[in-house]
């Protein structure tokens, strides 16, 4: 269902709907209901081709193809290229091959629709190099080595936000902000004095805003240990997996609980927010500084730390 709110005086229209297992929020400046409908349809299309919980999605077909080349959409080619680049740039802290570990930890069924299950081929392994993934950009095919499976997970949300925001701007709107479950991409004229003001919510106190950032053309992604959790064999598990052990990352009183990253594109914000959360150390700020992105981290005890570039965007 498309829940629409409009403000004709300011030329701002908003919608909210469920997609990709999350709530999406679309804001368009100088647009119409048609643009909001386009955003919902486009995000739904990307979910259909990328979801690991749908047996006919391109990702599910790729994962079960056992090294055979599979014809895919151009968007899937780009998604897999970002996966490869992200894993390489973060030295494996961002690892899209963790699907077998997630399944072993009990995350086979969708948390929003338990009837949707992930199917994996025998022999699939996690923490695998992506160097042997074969991509043919002319034939639009991808071939995965037999032991590798991919999980778009959070990076899919980030890239989807980028795609929809860019495509809406090509339809002559003045500005757009696409938020897919906390992965936010903003372009053009903002809804508050021409700017986009994004609040960073506390992972500890529900509804509390711990910081605000201003964007003109950029993105922010927030990853949290508390975003997805479930019970497995009598133990609480979460989706932040240690690539070395294949287990949910340890959480203690001084662990990183949440990471927000600012970048030019949401896909990169998501890659680095995941990597920092997995690393579980603010000492990895050098990684974001070197990549010209900014980060804010929150520990379990509430302690907040910012990278050197974050202050440039604070409102």
C-alpha atoms as a PDB file:
ATOM      1  CA  UNK A   1       0.000   0.000   0.000  1.00  0.00           C
ATOM      2  CA  UNK A   2       1.259   3.463  -0.927  1.00  0.00           C
ATOM      3  CA  UNK A   3       0.753   5.831   2.004  1.00  0.00           C
ATOM      4  CA  UNK A   4       0.932   9.339   0.546  1.00  0.00           C
ATOM      5  CA  UNK A   5       1.337  12.719   2.250  1.00  0.00           C
ATOM      6  CA  UNK A   6       1.643  15.916   0.241  1.00  0.00           C
ATOM      7  CA  UNK A   7       2.340  19.579   0.891  1.00  0.00           C
ATOM      8  CA  UNK A   8       1.275  21.522  -2.228  1.00  0.00           C
ATOM      9  CA  UNK A   9       2.482  24.851  -0.791  1.00  0.00           C
ATOM     10  CA  UNK A  10       6.086  23.646  -0.661  1.00  0.00           C
ATOM     11  CA  UNK A  11       5.759  21.370  -3.661  1.00  0.00           C
ATOM     12  CA  UNK A  12       6.741  18.393  -1.481  1.00  0.00           C
ATOM     13  CA  UNK A  13       5.170  14.947  -1.689  1.00  0.00           C
ATOM     14  CA  UNK A  14       5.984  11.930   0.445  1.00  0.00           C
ATOM     15  CA  UNK A  15       5.101   8.263   0.474  1.00  0.00           C
ATOM     16  CA  UNK A  16       5.800   5.307   2.745  1.00  0.00           C
ATOM     17  CA  UNK A  17       5.519   1.591   1.958  1.00  0.00           C
ATOM     18  CA  UNK A  18       7.050  -1.788   2.754  1.00  0.00           C
ATOM     19  CA  UNK A  19       9.650  -3.226   0.385  1.00  0.00           C
ATOM     20  CA  UNK A  20      12.838  -5.328   0.660  1.00  0.00           C
ATOM     21  CA  UNK A  21      11.766  -6.383   4.159  1.00  0.00           C
ATOM     22  CA  UNK A  22      11.946  -2.750   5.302  1.00  0.00           C
ATOM     23  CA  UNK A  23       9.949   0.462   5.280  1.00  0.00           C
ATOM     24  CA  UNK A  24      10.795   2.776   2.392  1.00  0.00           C
ATOM     25  CA  UNK A  25      10.182   6.530   2.653  1.00  0.00           C
ATOM     26  CA  UNK A  26      10.211   8.641  -0.493  1.00  0.00           C
ATOM     27  CA  UNK A  27      10.271  12.453  -0.550  1.00  0.00           C
ATOM     28  CA  UNK A  28       9.987  14.344  -3.832  1.00  0.00           C
ATOM     29  CA  UNK A  29      10.290  18.108  -4.295  1.00  0.00           C
ATOM     30  CA  UNK A  30       8.601  19.479  -7.399  1.00  0.00           C
ATOM     31  CA  UNK A  31       7.146  16.124  -8.340  1.00  0.00           C
ATOM     32  CA  UNK A  32       3.804  14.336  -8.416  1.00  0.00           C
ATOM     33  CA  UNK A  33       2.013  11.200  -7.266  1.00  0.00           C
ATOM     34  CA  UNK A  34       3.258   9.581 -10.456  1.00  0.00           C
ATOM     35  CA  UNK A  35       6.865   9.918  -9.225  1.00  0.00           C
ATOM     36  CA  UNK A  36       5.981   8.319  -5.897  1.00  0.00           C
ATOM     37  CA  UNK A  37       4.336   5.405  -7.698  1.00  0.00           C
ATOM     38  CA  UNK A  38       7.380   5.030  -9.928  1.00  0.00           C
ATOM     39  CA  UNK A  39       9.636   4.791  -6.854  1.00  0.00           C
ATOM     40  CA  UNK A  40       7.501   2.059  -5.307  1.00  0.00           C
ATOM     41  CA  UNK A  41       7.304   0.051  -8.524  1.00  0.00           C
ATOM     42  CA  UNK A  42      11.050   0.382  -9.184  1.00  0.00           C
ATOM     43  CA  UNK A  43      12.032  -0.695  -5.667  1.00  0.00           C
ATOM     44  CA  UNK A  44       9.652  -3.657  -5.921  1.00  0.00           C
ATOM     45  CA  UNK A  45      11.251  -4.643  -9.234  1.00  0.00           C
ATOM     46  CA  UNK A  46      14.732  -4.550  -7.719  1.00  0.00           C
ATOM     47  CA  UNK A  47      13.524  -6.683  -4.814  1.00  0.00           C
ATOM     48  CA  UNK A  48      12.174  -9.252  -7.285  1.00  0.00           C
ATOM     49  CA  UNK A  49      15.523  -9.611  -9.053  1.00  0.00           C
ATOM     50  CA  UNK A  50      17.773  -9.447  -5.965  1.00  0.00           C
ATOM     51  CA  UNK A  51      16.009 -11.077  -2.999  1.00  0.00           C
ATOM     52  CA  UNK A  52      17.658 -14.251  -1.716  1.00  0.00           C
ATOM     53  CA  UNK A  53      14.264 -15.302  -0.335  1.00  0.00           C
ATOM     54  CA  UNK A  54      12.620 -15.540  -3.785  1.00  0.00           C
ATOM     55  CA  UNK A  55      13.543 -18.714  -5.706  1.00  0.00           C
ATOM     56  CA  UNK A  56      13.212 -17.085  -9.127  1.00  0.00           C
ATOM     57  CA  UNK A  57      15.261 -13.956  -8.375  1.00  0.00           C
ATOM     58  CA  UNK A  58      18.477 -13.503 -10.317  1.00  0.00           C
ATOM     59  CA  UNK A  59      20.489 -13.825  -7.113  1.00  0.00           C
ATOM     60  CA  UNK A  60      18.820 -17.135  -6.195  1.00  0.00           C
ATOM     61  CA  UNK A  61      19.322 -18.481  -9.719  1.00  0.00           C
ATOM     62  CA  UNK A  62      22.972 -17.393  -9.663  1.00  0.00           C
ATOM     63  CA  UNK A  63      23.522 -19.024  -6.282  1.00  0.00           C
ATOM     64  CA  UNK A  64      22.196 -22.367  -7.516  1.00  0.00           C
ATOM     65  CA  UNK A  65      23.751 -22.272 -11.008  1.00  0.00           C
ATOM     66  CA  UNK A  66      26.923 -24.189 -10.041  1.00  0.00           C
ATOM     67  CA  UNK A  67      29.331 -22.151 -12.203  1.00  0.00           C
ATOM     68  CA  UNK A  68      26.988 -21.821 -15.200  1.00  0.00           C
ATOM     69  CA  UNK A  69      26.727 -18.322 -16.718  1.00  0.00           C
ATOM     70  CA  UNK A  70      23.364 -16.698 -15.995  1.00  0.00           C
ATOM     71  CA  UNK A  71      21.843 -13.835 -17.970  1.00  0.00           C
ATOM     72  CA  UNK A  72      20.932 -10.983 -15.622  1.00  0.00           C
ATOM     73  CA  UNK A  73      19.795  -7.355 -15.669  1.00  0.00           C
ATOM     74  CA  UNK A  74      22.398  -4.613 -15.992  1.00  0.00           C
ATOM     75  CA  UNK A  75      21.581  -3.597 -12.399  1.00  0.00           C
ATOM     76  CA  UNK A  76      22.657  -7.033 -11.155  1.00  0.00           C
ATOM     77  CA  UNK A  77      25.950  -6.730 -13.023  1.00  0.00           C
ATOM     78  CA  UNK A  78      26.596  -3.433 -11.237  1.00  0.00           C
ATOM     79  CA  UNK A  79      25.537  -4.854  -7.879  1.00  0.00           C
ATOM     80  CA  UNK A  80      28.006  -7.742  -8.134  1.00  0.00           C
ATOM     81  CA  UNK A  81      30.790  -5.370  -9.254  1.00  0.00           C
ATOM     82  CA  UNK A  82      30.170  -3.283  -6.125  1.00  0.00           C
ATOM     83  CA  UNK A  83      30.280  -6.450  -4.014  1.00  0.00           C
ATOM     84  CA  UNK A  84      33.662  -7.370  -5.468  1.00  0.00           C
ATOM     85  CA  UNK A  85      35.083  -3.860  -5.059  1.00  0.00           C
ATOM     86  CA  UNK A  86      33.670  -3.472  -1.534  1.00  0.00           C
ATOM     87  CA  UNK A  87      35.133  -6.741  -0.302  1.00  0.00           C
ATOM     88  CA  UNK A  88      38.519  -5.896  -1.769  1.00  0.00           C
ATOM     89  CA  UNK A  89      38.608  -2.322  -0.431  1.00  0.00           C
ATOM     90  CA  UNK A  90      37.643  -3.351   3.129  1.00  0.00           C
ATOM     91  CA  UNK A  91      39.976  -6.367   3.210  1.00  0.00           C
ATOM     92  CA  UNK A  92      37.027  -8.716   3.602  1.00  0.00           C
ATOM     93  CA  UNK A  93      35.291  -6.901   6.467  1.00  0.00           C
ATOM     94  CA  UNK A  94      32.427  -6.333   4.056  1.00  0.00           C
ATOM     95  CA  UNK A  95      31.788  -9.865   2.824  1.00  0.00           C
ATOM     96  CA  UNK A  96      28.816 -10.682   0.552  1.00  0.00           C
ATOM     97  CA  UNK A  97      29.674 -14.424   0.622  1.00  0.00           C
ATOM     98  CA  UNK A  98      28.407 -14.942   4.197  1.00  0.00           C
ATOM     99  CA  UNK A  99      25.095 -16.518   3.209  1.00  0.00           C
ATOM    100  CA  UNK A 100      26.074 -20.068   4.300  1.00  0.00           C
ATOM    101  CA  UNK A 101      27.063 -18.663   7.721  1.00  0.00           C
ATOM    102  CA  UNK A 102      23.751 -16.810   8.047  1.00  0.00           C
ATOM    103  CA  UNK A 103      21.868 -20.020   7.230  1.00  0.00           C
ATOM    104  CA  UNK A 104      23.944 -21.993   9.745  1.00  0.00           C
ATOM    105  CA  UNK A 105      23.047 -19.378  12.357  1.00  0.00           C
ATOM    106  CA  UNK A 106      19.344 -19.861  11.674  1.00  0.00           C
ATOM    107  CA  UNK A 107      18.594 -17.052   9.242  1.00  0.00           C
ATOM    108  CA  UNK A 108      17.109 -19.138   6.418  1.00  0.00           C
ATOM    109  CA  UNK A 109      13.586 -17.688   6.439  1.00  0.00           C
ATOM    110  CA  UNK A 110      12.649 -14.072   5.838  1.00  0.00           C
ATOM    111  CA  UNK A 111      12.020 -12.262   9.117  1.00  0.00           C
ATOM    112  CA  UNK A 112       9.029 -10.493   7.551  1.00  0.00           C
ATOM    113  CA  UNK A 113       7.573 -13.511   5.723  1.00  0.00           C
ATOM    114  CA  UNK A 114       8.609 -16.894   7.184  1.00  0.00           C
ATOM    115  CA  UNK A 115       7.172 -18.656   4.127  1.00  0.00           C
ATOM    116  CA  UNK A 116      10.023 -17.246   2.026  1.00  0.00           C
ATOM    117  CA  UNK A 117      13.103 -19.439   2.420  1.00  0.00           C
ATOM    118  CA  UNK A 118      16.688 -19.282   1.168  1.00  0.00           C
ATOM    119  CA  UNK A 119      17.894 -22.348  -0.722  1.00  0.00           C
ATOM    120  CA  UNK A 120      21.615 -23.064  -0.964  1.00  0.00           C
ATOM    121  CA  UNK A 121      23.516 -25.625  -3.072  1.00  0.00           C
ATOM    122  CA  UNK A 122      25.611 -28.262  -1.345  1.00  0.00           C
ATOM    123  CA  UNK A 123      29.199 -27.212  -0.715  1.00  0.00           C
ATOM    124  CA  UNK A 124      28.566 -23.476  -0.451  1.00  0.00           C
ATOM    125  CA  UNK A 125      31.218 -21.792   1.734  1.00  0.00           C
ATOM    126  CA  UNK A 126      31.527 -18.388   3.387  1.00  0.00           C
ATOM    127  CA  UNK A 127      34.499 -15.998   3.524  1.00  0.00           C
ATOM    128  CA  UNK A 128      35.399 -16.650  -0.098  1.00  0.00           C
ATOM    129  CA  UNK A 129      37.425 -14.547  -2.533  1.00  0.00           C
ATOM    130  CA  UNK A 130      35.410 -13.076  -5.398  1.00  0.00           C
ATOM    131  CA  UNK A 131      38.380 -12.895  -7.761  1.00  0.00           C
ATOM    132  CA  UNK A 132      37.094 -15.813  -9.857  1.00  0.00           C
ATOM    133  CA  UNK A 133      33.601 -14.413 -10.408  1.00  0.00           C
ATOM    134  CA  UNK A 134      33.183 -14.067 -14.187  1.00  0.00           C
ATOM    135  CA  UNK A 135      31.237 -11.065 -15.494  1.00  0.00           C
ATOM    136  CA  UNK A 136      30.471 -10.525 -19.197  1.00  0.00           C
ATOM    137  CA  UNK A 137      29.107  -6.992 -19.568  1.00  0.00           C
ATOM    138  CA  UNK A 138      28.342  -7.468 -23.270  1.00  0.00           C
ATOM    139  CA  UNK A 139      26.362 -10.697 -22.915  1.00  0.00           C
ATOM    140  CA  UNK A 140      25.059  -9.562 -19.496  1.00  0.00           C
ATOM    141  CA  UNK A 141      26.039 -12.806 -17.795  1.00  0.00           C
ATOM    142  CA  UNK A 142      27.559 -13.688 -14.439  1.00  0.00           C
ATOM    143  CA  UNK A 143      29.142 -16.971 -13.442  1.00  0.00           C
ATOM    144  CA  UNK A 144      29.889 -17.776  -9.796  1.00  0.00           C
ATOM    145  CA  UNK A 145      32.420 -20.429  -8.742  1.00  0.00           C
ATOM    146  CA  UNK A 146      30.577 -23.488  -7.430  1.00  0.00           C
ATOM    147  CA  UNK A 147      31.320 -22.828  -3.750  1.00  0.00           C
ATOM    148  CA  UNK A 148      30.275 -19.147  -3.745  1.00  0.00           C
ATOM    149  CA  UNK A 149      26.834 -17.731  -3.031  1.00  0.00           C
ATOM    150  CA  UNK A 150      25.950 -14.053  -2.741  1.00  0.00           C
ATOM    151  CA  UNK A 151      23.674 -12.172  -0.359  1.00  0.00           C
ATOM    152  CA  UNK A 152      22.668  -8.679  -1.548  1.00  0.00           C
ATOM    153  CA  UNK A 153      21.343  -7.930   1.941  1.00  0.00           C
ATOM    154  CA  UNK A 154      22.149  -4.391   2.989  1.00  0.00           C
ATOM    155  CA  UNK A 155      24.187  -3.426  -0.072  1.00  0.00           C
ATOM    156  CA  UNK A 156      21.120  -4.100  -2.193  1.00  0.00           C
ATOM    157  CA  UNK A 157      19.118  -1.562  -0.176  1.00  0.00           C
ATOM    158  CA  UNK A 158      21.842   1.037  -0.592  1.00  0.00           C
ATOM    159  CA  UNK A 159      22.199   0.517  -4.319  1.00  0.00           C
ATOM    160  CA  UNK A 160      18.413   0.513  -4.756  1.00  0.00           C
ATOM    161  CA  UNK A 161      18.221   3.909  -3.034  1.00  0.00           C
ATOM    162  CA  UNK A 162      20.913   5.231  -5.397  1.00  0.00           C
ATOM    163  CA  UNK A 163      19.170   3.889  -8.502  1.00  0.00           C
ATOM    164  CA  UNK A 164      15.724   5.222  -7.668  1.00  0.00           C
ATOM    165  CA  UNK A 165      16.994   8.646  -6.586  1.00  0.00           C
ATOM    166  CA  UNK A 166      18.979   9.079  -9.804  1.00  0.00           C
ATOM    167  CA  UNK A 167      16.135   7.872 -12.012  1.00  0.00           C
ATOM    168  CA  UNK A 168      13.642  10.198 -10.331  1.00  0.00           C
ATOM    169  CA  UNK A 169      15.962  13.163 -10.903  1.00  0.00           C
ATOM    170  CA  UNK A 170      16.048  12.232 -14.595  1.00  0.00           C
ATOM    171  CA  UNK A 171      12.269  12.772 -14.620  1.00  0.00           C
ATOM    172  CA  UNK A 172      12.693  16.513 -14.004  1.00  0.00           C
ATOM    173  CA  UNK A 173      11.839  16.691 -10.321  1.00  0.00           C
ATOM    174  CA  UNK A 174      13.650  19.367  -8.306  1.00  0.00           C
ATOM    175  CA  UNK A 175      14.851  17.099  -5.519  1.00  0.00           C
ATOM    176  CA  UNK A 176      14.441  13.624  -4.113  1.00  0.00           C
ATOM    177  CA  UNK A 177      15.288  11.666  -0.994  1.00  0.00           C
ATOM    178  CA  UNK A 178      14.977   7.874  -0.995  1.00  0.00           C
ATOM    179  CA  UNK A 179      15.186   6.070   2.343  1.00  0.00           C
ATOM    180  CA  UNK A 180      15.133   2.269   2.248  1.00  0.00           C
ATOM    181  CA  UNK A 181      15.268   0.986   5.806  1.00  0.00           C
ATOM    182  CA  UNK A 182      17.828   3.575   6.911  1.00  0.00           C
ATOM    183  CA  UNK A 183      19.818   3.646   3.680  1.00  0.00           C
ATOM    184  CA  UNK A 184      19.269   7.220   2.488  1.00  0.00           C
ATOM    185  CA  UNK A 185      20.186   8.869  -0.832  1.00  0.00           C
ATOM    186  CA  UNK A 186      19.402  12.548  -1.413  1.00  0.00           C
ATOM    187  CA  UNK A 187      19.840  14.592  -4.601  1.00  0.00           C
ATOM    188  CA  UNK A 188      18.800  18.096  -5.563  1.00  0.00           C
ATOM    189  CA  UNK A 189      16.639  20.635  -3.773  1.00  0.00           C
ATOM    190  CA  UNK A 190      15.926  19.601  -0.200  1.00  0.00           C
ATOM    191  CA  UNK A 191      12.641  19.848   1.684  1.00  0.00           C
ATOM    192  CA  UNK A 192      14.017  22.194   4.402  1.00  0.00           C
ATOM    193  CA  UNK A 193      15.436  25.504   3.135  1.00  0.00           C
ATOM    194  CA  UNK A 194      16.783  23.675   0.123  1.00  0.00           C
ATOM    195  CA  UNK A 195      18.723  21.136   2.197  1.00  0.00           C
ATOM    196  CA  UNK A 196      18.117  17.550   3.198  1.00  0.00           C
ATOM    197  CA  UNK A 197      18.445  17.168   6.971  1.00  0.00           C
ATOM    198  CA  UNK A 198      18.901  13.567   8.085  1.00  0.00           C
ATOM    199  CA  UNK A 199      18.580  12.576  11.735  1.00  0.00           C
ATOM    200  CA  UNK A 200      20.712   9.779  13.174  1.00  0.00           C
ATOM    201  CA  UNK A 201      18.606   7.778  15.613  1.00  0.00           C
ATOM    202  CA  UNK A 202      19.935   6.306  18.836  1.00  0.00           C
ATOM    203  CA  UNK A 203      20.221   2.502  18.859  1.00  0.00           C
ATOM    204  CA  UNK A 204      19.633   2.590  22.631  1.00  0.00           C
ATOM    205  CA  UNK A 205      16.748   5.017  23.212  1.00  0.00           C
ATOM    206  CA  UNK A 206      13.925   4.552  20.710  1.00  0.00           C
ATOM    207  CA  UNK A 207      13.072   7.737  18.828  1.00  0.00           C
ATOM    208  CA  UNK A 208      15.973   9.807  20.199  1.00  0.00           C
ATOM    209  CA  UNK A 209      18.009  11.720  17.595  1.00  0.00           C
ATOM    210  CA  UNK A 210      21.685  11.795  18.551  1.00  0.00           C
ATOM    211  CA  UNK A 211      22.925  13.860  15.594  1.00  0.00           C
ATOM    212  CA  UNK A 212      21.778  15.533  12.379  1.00  0.00           C
ATOM    213  CA  UNK A 213      23.588  15.921   9.080  1.00  0.00           C
ATOM    214  CA  UNK A 214      22.921  18.105   6.058  1.00  0.00           C
ATOM    215  CA  UNK A 215      23.163  16.754   2.519  1.00  0.00           C
ATOM    216  CA  UNK A 216      22.903  18.321  -0.920  1.00  0.00           C
ATOM    217  CA  UNK A 217      23.912  15.365  -3.058  1.00  0.00           C
ATOM    218  CA  UNK A 218      24.983  12.411  -0.988  1.00  0.00           C
ATOM    219  CA  UNK A 219      24.012   9.475   1.157  1.00  0.00           C
ATOM    220  CA  UNK A 220      24.004   8.130   4.678  1.00  0.00           C
ATOM    221  CA  UNK A 221      23.662   4.497   5.716  1.00  0.00           C
ATOM    222  CA  UNK A 222      23.265   3.200   9.237  1.00  0.00           C
ATOM    223  CA  UNK A 223      24.070  -0.372  10.261  1.00  0.00           C
ATOM    224  CA  UNK A 224      23.178  -1.719  13.692  1.00  0.00           C
ATOM    225  CA  UNK A 225      23.667  -4.980  15.542  1.00  0.00           C
ATOM    226  CA  UNK A 226      20.068  -4.585  16.688  1.00  0.00           C
ATOM    227  CA  UNK A 227      18.592  -4.169  13.205  1.00  0.00           C
ATOM    228  CA  UNK A 228      17.904  -7.899  12.731  1.00  0.00           C
ATOM    229  CA  UNK A 229      17.945 -10.576  15.444  1.00  0.00           C
ATOM    230  CA  UNK A 230      16.362 -13.982  15.965  1.00  0.00           C
ATOM    231  CA  UNK A 231      16.475 -17.051  18.185  1.00  0.00           C
ATOM    232  CA  UNK A 232      18.431 -20.147  17.131  1.00  0.00           C
ATOM    233  CA  UNK A 233      19.067 -23.195  19.326  1.00  0.00           C
ATOM    234  CA  UNK A 234      18.064 -21.181  22.387  1.00  0.00           C
ATOM    235  CA  UNK A 235      20.507 -18.339  21.632  1.00  0.00           C
ATOM    236  CA  UNK A 236      19.898 -14.824  20.316  1.00  0.00           C
ATOM    237  CA  UNK A 237      21.647 -14.299  16.996  1.00  0.00           C
ATOM    238  CA  UNK A 238      22.078 -11.166  14.890  1.00  0.00           C
ATOM    239  CA  UNK A 239      22.966 -10.496  11.265  1.00  0.00           C
ATOM    240  CA  UNK A 240      26.422  -8.917  11.796  1.00  0.00           C
ATOM    241  CA  UNK A 241      28.615 -11.928  11.053  1.00  0.00           C
ATOM    242  CA  UNK A 242      32.334 -12.274  11.750  1.00  0.00           C
ATOM    243  CA  UNK A 243      33.738 -13.389   8.350  1.00  0.00           C
ATOM    244  CA  UNK A 244      36.453 -15.463  10.029  1.00  0.00           C
ATOM    245  CA  UNK A 245      34.307 -17.459  12.454  1.00  0.00           C
ATOM    246  CA  UNK A 246      30.967 -17.376  10.646  1.00  0.00           C
ATOM    247  CA  UNK A 247      29.261 -16.473  13.943  1.00  0.00           C
ATOM    248  CA  UNK A 248      27.308 -13.413  15.039  1.00  0.00           C
ATOM    249  CA  UNK A 249      29.826 -10.791  16.153  1.00  0.00           C
ATOM    250  CA  UNK A 250      30.345 -10.636  19.931  1.00  0.00           C
ATOM    251  CA  UNK A 251      28.536  -7.872  21.831  1.00  0.00           C
ATOM    252  CA  UNK A 252      29.741  -6.573  25.204  1.00  0.00           C
ATOM    253  CA  UNK A 253      29.451  -3.309  27.146  1.00  0.00           C
ATOM    254  CA  UNK A 254      31.973  -1.493  24.917  1.00  0.00           C
ATOM    255  CA  UNK A 255      31.196  -3.049  21.541  1.00  0.00           C
ATOM    256  CA  UNK A 256      30.152  -0.979  18.554  1.00  0.00           C
ATOM    257  CA  UNK A 257      26.378  -1.128  18.464  1.00  0.00           C
ATOM    258  CA  UNK A 258      25.714   1.115  15.484  1.00  0.00           C
ATOM    259  CA  UNK A 259      27.652   2.781  12.671  1.00  0.00           C
ATOM    260  CA  UNK A 260      26.484   5.564  10.353  1.00  0.00           C
ATOM    261  CA  UNK A 261      28.515   6.483   7.277  1.00  0.00           C
ATOM    262  CA  UNK A 262      28.250   9.468   4.939  1.00  0.00           C
ATOM    263  CA  UNK A 263      29.362   9.005   1.330  1.00  0.00           C
ATOM    264  CA  UNK A 264      28.620  10.290  -2.156  1.00  0.00           C
ATOM    265  CA  UNK A 265      26.653   7.118  -2.976  1.00  0.00           C
ATOM    266  CA  UNK A 266      24.534   5.036  -0.623  1.00  0.00           C
ATOM    267  CA  UNK A 267      26.072   1.788  -1.827  1.00  0.00           C
ATOM    268  CA  UNK A 268      29.474   2.932  -0.482  1.00  0.00           C
ATOM    269  CA  UNK A 269      27.950   4.248   2.723  1.00  0.00           C
ATOM    270  CA  UNK A 270      26.458   0.796   3.281  1.00  0.00           C
ATOM    271  CA  UNK A 271      29.700  -1.029   2.482  1.00  0.00           C
ATOM    272  CA  UNK A 272      31.720   1.019   4.967  1.00  0.00           C
ATOM    273  CA  UNK A 273      29.080   1.061   7.710  1.00  0.00           C
ATOM    274  CA  UNK A 274      28.957  -2.739   7.541  1.00  0.00           C
ATOM    275  CA  UNK A 275      32.754  -3.030   7.503  1.00  0.00           C
ATOM    276  CA  UNK A 276      33.203  -0.771  10.552  1.00  0.00           C
ATOM    277  CA  UNK A 277      30.492  -2.605  12.480  1.00  0.00           C
ATOM    278  CA  UNK A 278      32.117  -5.962  11.736  1.00  0.00           C
ATOM    279  CA  UNK A 279      35.563  -4.617  12.666  1.00  0.00           C
ATOM    280  CA  UNK A 280      34.072  -3.473  16.004  1.00  0.00           C
ATOM    281  CA  UNK A 281      36.672  -0.753  16.429  1.00  0.00           C
ATOM    282  CA  UNK A 282      36.749   2.993  15.915  1.00  0.00           C
ATOM    283  CA  UNK A 283      40.426   2.533  15.112  1.00  0.00           C
ATOM    284  CA  UNK A 284      39.234   1.626  11.639  1.00  0.00           C
ATOM    285  CA  UNK A 285      38.384   5.288  11.025  1.00  0.00           C
ATOM    286  CA  UNK A 286      41.571   5.420   8.990  1.00  0.00           C
ATOM    287  CA  UNK A 287      39.785   3.205   6.477  1.00  0.00           C
ATOM    288  CA  UNK A 288      36.957   5.719   5.993  1.00  0.00           C
ATOM    289  CA  UNK A 289      39.295   8.724   6.035  1.00  0.00           C
ATOM    290  CA  UNK A 290      41.379   7.184   3.268  1.00  0.00           C
ATOM    291  CA  UNK A 291      38.217   6.563   1.224  1.00  0.00           C
ATOM    292  CA  UNK A 292      36.888  10.122   1.614  1.00  0.00           C
ATOM    293  CA  UNK A 293      33.806   9.134   3.611  1.00  0.00           C
ATOM    294  CA  UNK A 294      32.762  10.044   7.161  1.00  0.00           C
ATOM    295  CA  UNK A 295      31.521   7.916  10.052  1.00  0.00           C
ATOM    296  CA  UNK A 296      29.804   8.119  13.430  1.00  0.00           C
ATOM    297  CA  UNK A 297      29.828   5.137  15.809  1.00  0.00           C
ATOM    298  CA  UNK A 298      27.795   4.332  18.921  1.00  0.00           C
ATOM    299  CA  UNK A 299      28.942   1.801  21.517  1.00  0.00           C
ATOM    300  CA  UNK A 300      26.718  -0.373  23.672  1.00  0.00           C
ATOM    301  CA  UNK A 301      27.412   1.928  26.640  1.00  0.00           C
ATOM    302  CA  UNK A 302      26.207   4.947  24.604  1.00  0.00           C
ATOM    303  CA  UNK A 303      29.659   6.409  23.859  1.00  0.00           C
ATOM    304  CA  UNK A 304      29.639   8.248  20.503  1.00  0.00           C
ATOM    305  CA  UNK A 305      32.704   8.767  18.287  1.00  0.00           C
ATOM    306  CA  UNK A 306      33.045  10.655  15.004  1.00  0.00           C
ATOM    307  CA  UNK A 307      35.624  10.448  12.258  1.00  0.00           C
ATOM    308  CA  UNK A 308      37.498  13.605  11.338  1.00  0.00           C
ATOM    309  CA  UNK A 309      35.265  14.343   8.306  1.00  0.00           C
ATOM    310  CA  UNK A 310      31.889  13.938  10.042  1.00  0.00           C
ATOM    311  CA  UNK A 311      31.816  17.441  11.506  1.00  0.00           C
ATOM    312  CA  UNK A 312      31.684  18.952   8.003  1.00  0.00           C
ATOM    313  CA  UNK A 313      28.162  17.618   7.560  1.00  0.00           C
ATOM    314  CA  UNK A 314      26.694  18.282  11.014  1.00  0.00           C
ATOM    315  CA  UNK A 315      23.648  20.510  11.142  1.00  0.00           C
END
